[in-house]
């Protein structure tokens, strides 16, 4: 569909095995995994998530 943005899963790297399965690949979605340790540094986590959201929005 024209004008429709692709689906993007932005998730913690801990969920890689769950998200990147043969079944999930049929969803026609891009997966972006963040470092699993970011939860330990909330400011870095917030900044990294915002960077990814901004990059997705401008794509």
N, C-alpha and C. Protein backbone atom coordinates (compact mmCIF):
# COMPACT_ATOMS: atom_id res chain seq x y z
N UNK A 1 0.84 -1.19 0.00
CA UNK A 1 0.00 0.00 0.00
C UNK A 1 0.88 1.24 0.00
N UNK A 2 0.57 2.16 -0.85
CA UNK A 2 1.35 3.37 -0.94
C UNK A 2 1.13 4.23 0.29
N UNK A 3 2.22 4.82 0.81
CA UNK A 3 2.13 5.68 1.98
C UNK A 3 2.11 4.94 3.30
N UNK A 4 2.04 3.65 3.25
CA UNK A 4 2.01 2.86 4.48
C UNK A 4 3.43 2.54 4.92
N UNK A 5 3.72 2.75 6.16
CA UNK A 5 5.04 2.48 6.69
C UNK A 5 5.19 1.00 7.01
N UNK A 6 6.40 0.50 6.91
CA UNK A 6 6.62 -0.91 7.26
C UNK A 6 6.46 -1.13 8.77
N UNK A 7 6.17 -2.34 9.13
CA UNK A 7 6.09 -2.69 10.55
C UNK A 7 7.50 -2.87 11.08
N UNK A 8 7.72 -2.37 12.26
CA UNK A 8 9.03 -2.52 12.89
C UNK A 8 8.82 -2.96 14.34
N UNK A 9 9.48 -4.05 14.71
CA UNK A 9 9.48 -4.50 16.10
C UNK A 9 10.76 -3.98 16.73
N UNK A 10 10.62 -3.14 17.70
CA UNK A 10 11.75 -2.61 18.46
C UNK A 10 11.69 -3.29 19.82
N UNK A 11 12.68 -4.13 20.10
CA UNK A 11 12.59 -4.94 21.30
C UNK A 11 13.95 -5.14 21.95
N UNK A 12 13.90 -5.57 23.18
CA UNK A 12 15.10 -5.93 23.93
C UNK A 12 15.71 -7.18 23.30
N UNK A 13 17.04 -7.21 23.22
CA UNK A 13 17.74 -8.34 22.65
C UNK A 13 17.46 -9.66 23.35
N UNK A 14 16.99 -9.61 24.58
CA UNK A 14 16.63 -10.82 25.31
C UNK A 14 15.57 -11.62 24.56
N UNK A 15 14.73 -10.93 23.81
CA UNK A 15 13.62 -11.57 23.11
C UNK A 15 13.95 -12.04 21.70
N UNK A 16 15.22 -11.99 21.32
CA UNK A 16 15.63 -12.35 19.96
C UNK A 16 15.10 -13.72 19.54
N UNK A 17 15.27 -14.72 20.39
CA UNK A 17 14.83 -16.07 20.06
C UNK A 17 13.33 -16.20 19.88
N UNK A 18 12.58 -15.34 20.54
CA UNK A 18 11.12 -15.37 20.43
C UNK A 18 10.66 -14.60 19.20
N UNK A 19 11.27 -13.45 18.96
CA UNK A 19 10.83 -12.58 17.88
C UNK A 19 11.30 -13.06 16.52
N UNK A 20 12.53 -13.54 16.43
CA UNK A 20 13.07 -13.94 15.14
C UNK A 20 12.91 -15.44 14.93
N UNK A 21 11.68 -15.84 14.72
CA UNK A 21 11.35 -17.24 14.46
C UNK A 21 10.82 -17.35 13.04
N UNK A 22 10.79 -18.53 12.48
CA UNK A 22 10.24 -18.68 11.12
C UNK A 22 8.82 -18.13 11.00
N UNK A 23 8.00 -18.33 12.01
CA UNK A 23 6.63 -17.82 11.97
C UNK A 23 6.60 -16.31 11.94
N UNK A 24 7.42 -15.66 12.75
CA UNK A 24 7.41 -14.20 12.80
C UNK A 24 7.93 -13.57 11.51
N UNK A 25 8.75 -14.28 10.78
CA UNK A 25 9.28 -13.73 9.52
C UNK A 25 8.18 -13.53 8.48
N UNK A 26 7.08 -14.23 8.62
CA UNK A 26 5.96 -14.09 7.69
C UNK A 26 5.14 -12.83 7.95
N UNK A 27 5.46 -12.09 8.99
CA UNK A 27 4.70 -10.89 9.32
C UNK A 27 5.12 -9.69 8.48
N UNK A 28 6.14 -9.86 7.65
CA UNK A 28 6.64 -8.77 6.81
C UNK A 28 6.99 -7.56 7.66
N UNK A 29 7.81 -7.80 8.66
CA UNK A 29 8.19 -6.73 9.59
C UNK A 29 9.70 -6.76 9.80
N UNK A 30 10.24 -5.60 10.06
CA UNK A 30 11.65 -5.46 10.37
C UNK A 30 11.81 -5.56 11.88
N UNK A 31 12.86 -6.22 12.32
CA UNK A 31 13.12 -6.35 13.75
C UNK A 31 14.40 -5.59 14.10
N UNK A 32 14.31 -4.76 15.10
CA UNK A 32 15.47 -4.05 15.61
C UNK A 32 15.60 -4.38 17.09
N UNK A 33 16.73 -4.98 17.43
CA UNK A 33 16.94 -5.40 18.80
C UNK A 33 17.91 -4.46 19.51
N UNK A 34 17.55 -4.10 20.70
CA UNK A 34 18.40 -3.25 21.53
C UNK A 34 19.23 -4.12 22.46
N UNK A 35 20.34 -3.59 22.93
CA UNK A 35 21.21 -4.30 23.86
C UNK A 35 20.42 -4.71 25.09
N UNK A 36 20.53 -5.96 25.45
CA UNK A 36 19.76 -6.49 26.58
C UNK A 36 20.13 -5.83 27.91
N UNK A 37 21.31 -5.25 28.02
CA UNK A 37 21.73 -4.64 29.26
C UNK A 37 21.28 -3.20 29.46
N UNK A 38 20.61 -2.63 28.48
CA UNK A 38 20.20 -1.23 28.58
C UNK A 38 19.23 -0.96 29.74
N UNK A 39 18.50 -1.97 30.16
CA UNK A 39 17.55 -1.76 31.26
C UNK A 39 18.26 -1.28 32.53
N UNK A 40 19.55 -1.60 32.65
CA UNK A 40 20.30 -1.23 33.84
C UNK A 40 20.67 0.26 33.88
N UNK A 41 20.56 0.91 32.73
CA UNK A 41 20.88 2.35 32.64
C UNK A 41 19.71 3.05 31.96
N UNK A 42 18.68 3.39 32.73
CA UNK A 42 17.46 3.96 32.16
C UNK A 42 17.67 5.17 31.25
N UNK A 43 18.59 6.05 31.58
CA UNK A 43 18.81 7.21 30.72
C UNK A 43 19.32 6.79 29.35
N UNK A 44 20.24 5.83 29.34
CA UNK A 44 20.75 5.33 28.06
C UNK A 44 19.64 4.59 27.31
N UNK A 45 18.85 3.83 28.04
CA UNK A 45 17.74 3.10 27.43
C UNK A 45 16.77 4.08 26.77
N UNK A 46 16.37 5.10 27.50
CA UNK A 46 15.43 6.09 26.95
C UNK A 46 16.00 6.76 25.70
N UNK A 47 17.26 7.14 25.77
CA UNK A 47 17.89 7.80 24.63
C UNK A 47 17.97 6.87 23.42
N UNK A 48 18.34 5.63 23.65
CA UNK A 48 18.48 4.67 22.55
C UNK A 48 17.13 4.35 21.91
N UNK A 49 16.11 4.17 22.73
CA UNK A 49 14.77 3.92 22.19
C UNK A 49 14.32 5.12 21.36
N UNK A 50 14.54 6.32 21.87
CA UNK A 50 14.12 7.52 21.13
C UNK A 50 14.88 7.64 19.81
N UNK A 51 16.16 7.32 19.82
CA UNK A 51 16.95 7.33 18.56
C UNK A 51 16.34 6.38 17.54
N UNK A 52 15.99 5.21 17.99
CA UNK A 52 15.43 4.21 17.07
C UNK A 52 14.06 4.64 16.56
N UNK A 53 13.23 5.17 17.43
CA UNK A 53 11.91 5.65 17.02
C UNK A 53 12.05 6.77 16.00
N UNK A 54 12.96 7.70 16.25
CA UNK A 54 13.19 8.81 15.31
C UNK A 54 13.66 8.29 13.95
N UNK A 55 14.56 7.30 13.97
CA UNK A 55 15.08 6.74 12.73
C UNK A 55 13.97 6.04 11.95
N UNK A 56 13.10 5.34 12.66
CA UNK A 56 11.98 4.65 12.01
C UNK A 56 11.02 5.66 11.42
N UNK A 57 10.74 6.72 12.18
CA UNK A 57 9.78 7.74 11.74
C UNK A 57 10.28 8.49 10.51
N UNK A 58 11.60 8.66 10.39
CA UNK A 58 12.12 9.43 9.26
C UNK A 58 12.43 8.55 8.05
N UNK A 59 12.29 7.24 8.20
CA UNK A 59 12.58 6.33 7.09
C UNK A 59 11.49 6.33 6.04
